[in-house]
């Protein structure tokens, strides 16, 4: 059973909702990638400006450090579910490279559904106006990434159940 999971997808796809429920079902710690952003990144996105790779590398490294720390705790206390958009292959490579125990869960859905969800969010620093940049940057996982693809047009509990079927042999 994989106890380290990286939940990816564009903003508004439901990473936090699914990640929290999945962590609860696996009995592991949950972390949202938003908590790893430095204040400068949050300010930039709040101003409606997309991040560039120079903004992302330290953020991705902090998430990788979290995965390493959770994995180092061992099977009894370790494990974790972390969310991160990880839109590009290079970002996922940075997060998954040297971490064979981490499983990649990719959430996807009809862009109209995801954009509607994003637009309905209140109090989040990522404005709906940046959704076009998310889709422009998106590189869906390739077969060699061994991602678990899950559509988000179902109830969150059903999506988590589908994820568990892949994670628990």
Protein backbone atom coordinates (compact mmCIF):
# COMPACT_ATOMS: atom_id res chain seq x y z
CA UNK A 1 0.00 0.00 0.00
CA UNK A 2 1.30 3.42 -0.91
CA UNK A 3 1.22 5.81 2.01
CA UNK A 4 2.82 8.76 0.19
CA UNK A 5 0.57 10.36 -2.41
CA UNK A 6 0.95 13.48 -4.54
CA UNK A 7 -2.43 14.78 -5.73
CA UNK A 8 -2.11 16.97 -8.84
CA UNK A 9 -4.27 18.92 -11.28
CA UNK A 10 -5.21 22.46 -12.17
CA UNK A 11 -6.56 24.88 -9.60
CA UNK A 12 -10.19 24.22 -8.74
CA UNK A 13 -10.12 20.54 -9.68
CA UNK A 14 -10.65 19.49 -6.05
CA UNK A 15 -7.12 18.60 -4.95
CA UNK A 16 -7.62 19.80 -1.37
CA UNK A 17 -11.02 18.17 -0.93
CA UNK A 18 -9.87 14.83 -2.36
CA UNK A 19 -6.48 15.04 -0.63
CA UNK A 20 -7.98 15.61 2.82
CA UNK A 21 -10.47 12.77 2.42
CA UNK A 22 -7.81 10.43 1.05
CA UNK A 23 -5.39 11.22 3.89
CA UNK A 24 -8.17 10.54 6.40
CA UNK A 25 -8.95 7.18 4.80
CA UNK A 26 -5.25 6.22 4.66
CA UNK A 27 -4.67 7.41 8.25
CA UNK A 28 -1.85 9.76 7.23
CA UNK A 29 -1.03 13.46 7.45
CA UNK A 30 -2.41 15.89 4.86
CA UNK A 31 -0.62 18.97 3.51
CA UNK A 32 -1.80 21.50 0.96
CA UNK A 33 0.86 22.89 -1.37
CA UNK A 34 -0.57 26.37 -0.88
CA UNK A 35 0.91 26.32 2.63
CA UNK A 36 4.41 25.93 1.15
CA UNK A 37 4.26 29.09 -0.99
CA UNK A 38 6.44 31.95 0.19
CA UNK A 39 4.60 35.25 0.72
CA UNK A 40 6.03 36.67 -2.53
CA UNK A 41 4.33 33.92 -4.56
CA UNK A 42 0.99 34.51 -2.86
CA UNK A 43 1.29 38.26 -3.45
CA UNK A 44 2.09 37.69 -7.11
CA UNK A 45 -0.88 35.37 -7.67
CA UNK A 46 -3.18 37.64 -5.66
CA UNK A 47 -2.23 40.42 -8.06
CA UNK A 48 -3.38 38.22 -10.95
CA UNK A 49 0.14 37.40 -12.14
CA UNK A 50 1.08 33.79 -12.93
CA UNK A 51 4.15 32.32 -11.29
CA UNK A 52 7.21 31.53 -13.38
CA UNK A 53 9.62 28.64 -12.90
CA UNK A 54 11.96 30.71 -10.74
CA UNK A 55 9.03 31.26 -8.37
CA UNK A 56 8.14 27.58 -8.37
CA UNK A 57 11.46 25.79 -7.79
CA UNK A 58 11.85 26.70 -4.07
CA UNK A 59 8.16 25.94 -3.53
CA UNK A 60 8.48 22.51 -5.16
CA UNK A 61 11.65 21.80 -3.15
CA UNK A 62 9.79 22.59 0.09
CA UNK A 63 7.06 20.12 -0.88
CA UNK A 64 9.71 17.52 -1.72
CA UNK A 65 11.32 18.07 1.68
CA UNK A 66 7.93 17.44 3.30
CA UNK A 67 7.56 14.18 1.36
CA UNK A 68 11.06 13.13 2.44
CA UNK A 69 10.29 13.90 6.08
CA UNK A 70 6.99 11.97 5.99
CA UNK A 71 8.66 9.00 4.29
CA UNK A 72 11.53 8.96 6.79
CA UNK A 73 9.10 8.34 9.63
CA UNK A 74 8.49 4.78 8.43
CA UNK A 75 5.34 2.75 7.98
CA UNK A 76 3.90 3.18 11.46
CA UNK A 77 3.95 6.97 11.72
CA UNK A 78 4.92 8.08 8.24
CA UNK A 79 3.12 8.63 5.02
CA UNK A 80 1.18 11.58 3.82
CA UNK A 81 -0.94 13.09 1.12
CA UNK A 82 0.14 16.40 -0.36
CA UNK A 83 -1.56 18.44 -3.05
CA UNK A 84 0.31 20.38 -5.70
CA UNK A 85 -0.77 21.52 -9.13
CA UNK A 86 2.52 20.18 -10.62
CA UNK A 87 1.22 21.13 -14.05
CA UNK A 88 4.41 20.38 -15.96
CA UNK A 89 6.35 17.15 -16.26
CA UNK A 90 9.49 18.93 -15.03
CA UNK A 91 7.67 19.88 -11.81
CA UNK A 92 6.48 16.33 -11.23
CA UNK A 93 9.96 15.03 -12.01
CA UNK A 94 11.33 17.36 -9.34
CA UNK A 95 8.77 16.11 -6.81
CA UNK A 96 8.93 12.42 -7.69
CA UNK A 97 12.59 12.02 -8.67
CA UNK A 98 14.37 9.87 -6.11
CA UNK A 99 11.09 9.22 -4.32
CA UNK A 100 9.85 5.88 -5.70
CA UNK A 101 7.39 5.38 -2.83
CA UNK A 102 5.32 8.43 -3.86
CA UNK A 103 2.26 7.68 -6.00
CA UNK A 104 0.95 10.29 -8.41
CA UNK A 105 -2.79 10.93 -8.43
CA UNK A 106 -3.91 13.18 -11.30
CA UNK A 107 -7.34 14.80 -11.04
CA UNK A 108 -8.88 16.04 -14.27
CA UNK A 109 -12.23 17.15 -15.56
CA UNK A 110 -14.08 19.11 -18.16
CA UNK A 111 -12.53 22.61 -18.24
CA UNK A 112 -15.97 24.25 -18.02
CA UNK A 113 -16.76 22.32 -14.80
CA UNK A 114 -13.37 23.08 -13.27
CA UNK A 115 -13.53 26.78 -14.21
CA UNK A 116 -17.02 27.05 -12.71
CA UNK A 117 -15.75 25.53 -9.46
CA UNK A 118 -12.75 27.87 -9.44
CA UNK A 119 -14.95 30.91 -10.07
CA UNK A 120 -17.21 29.90 -7.15
CA UNK A 121 -14.32 29.72 -4.65
CA UNK A 122 -14.25 32.50 -2.11
CA UNK A 123 -11.27 33.79 -0.18
CA UNK A 124 -8.60 32.00 -2.22
CA UNK A 125 -5.57 33.88 -3.51
CA UNK A 126 -5.70 32.17 -6.92
CA UNK A 127 -8.14 34.19 -9.04
CA UNK A 128 -10.26 32.56 -11.71
CA UNK A 129 -8.59 34.90 -14.22
CA UNK A 130 -5.45 32.73 -14.02
CA UNK A 131 -7.22 29.55 -15.12
CA UNK A 132 -6.22 30.10 -18.75
CA UNK A 133 -2.57 30.14 -17.69
CA UNK A 134 -3.10 26.90 -15.77
CA UNK A 135 -4.47 25.11 -18.82
CA UNK A 136 -1.81 26.65 -21.08
CA UNK A 137 0.93 25.23 -18.82
CA UNK A 138 -0.74 21.85 -18.23
CA UNK A 139 1.12 18.76 -19.42
CA UNK A 140 -0.99 15.75 -18.50
CA UNK A 141 1.06 12.89 -17.04
CA UNK A 142 2.66 10.59 -19.59
CA UNK A 143 2.30 6.79 -19.34
CA UNK A 144 5.81 6.39 -17.90
CA UNK A 145 4.80 8.56 -14.92
CA UNK A 146 2.43 5.77 -13.81
CA UNK A 147 -0.18 8.29 -12.66
CA UNK A 148 -3.59 7.32 -11.42
CA UNK A 149 -6.03 9.34 -13.58
CA UNK A 150 -9.32 10.19 -11.88
CA UNK A 151 -12.12 12.29 -13.35
CA UNK A 152 -13.64 14.79 -10.93
CA UNK A 153 -17.21 14.78 -12.19
CA UNK A 154 -18.30 12.40 -9.43
CA UNK A 155 -18.93 12.81 -5.71
CA UNK A 156 -15.68 13.32 -3.70
CA UNK A 157 -16.28 10.15 -1.68
CA UNK A 158 -16.56 8.11 -4.88
CA UNK A 159 -13.37 9.68 -6.26
CA UNK A 160 -11.51 8.80 -3.05
CA UNK A 161 -12.86 5.25 -3.19
CA UNK A 162 -11.58 4.92 -6.76
CA UNK A 163 -8.17 6.23 -5.66
CA UNK A 164 -8.02 3.71 -2.83
CA UNK A 165 -8.71 0.86 -5.26
CA UNK A 166 -5.50 1.83 -7.06
CA UNK A 167 -3.44 2.53 -3.94
CA UNK A 168 -4.37 -0.48 -1.84
CA UNK A 169 -3.71 -3.82 -3.56
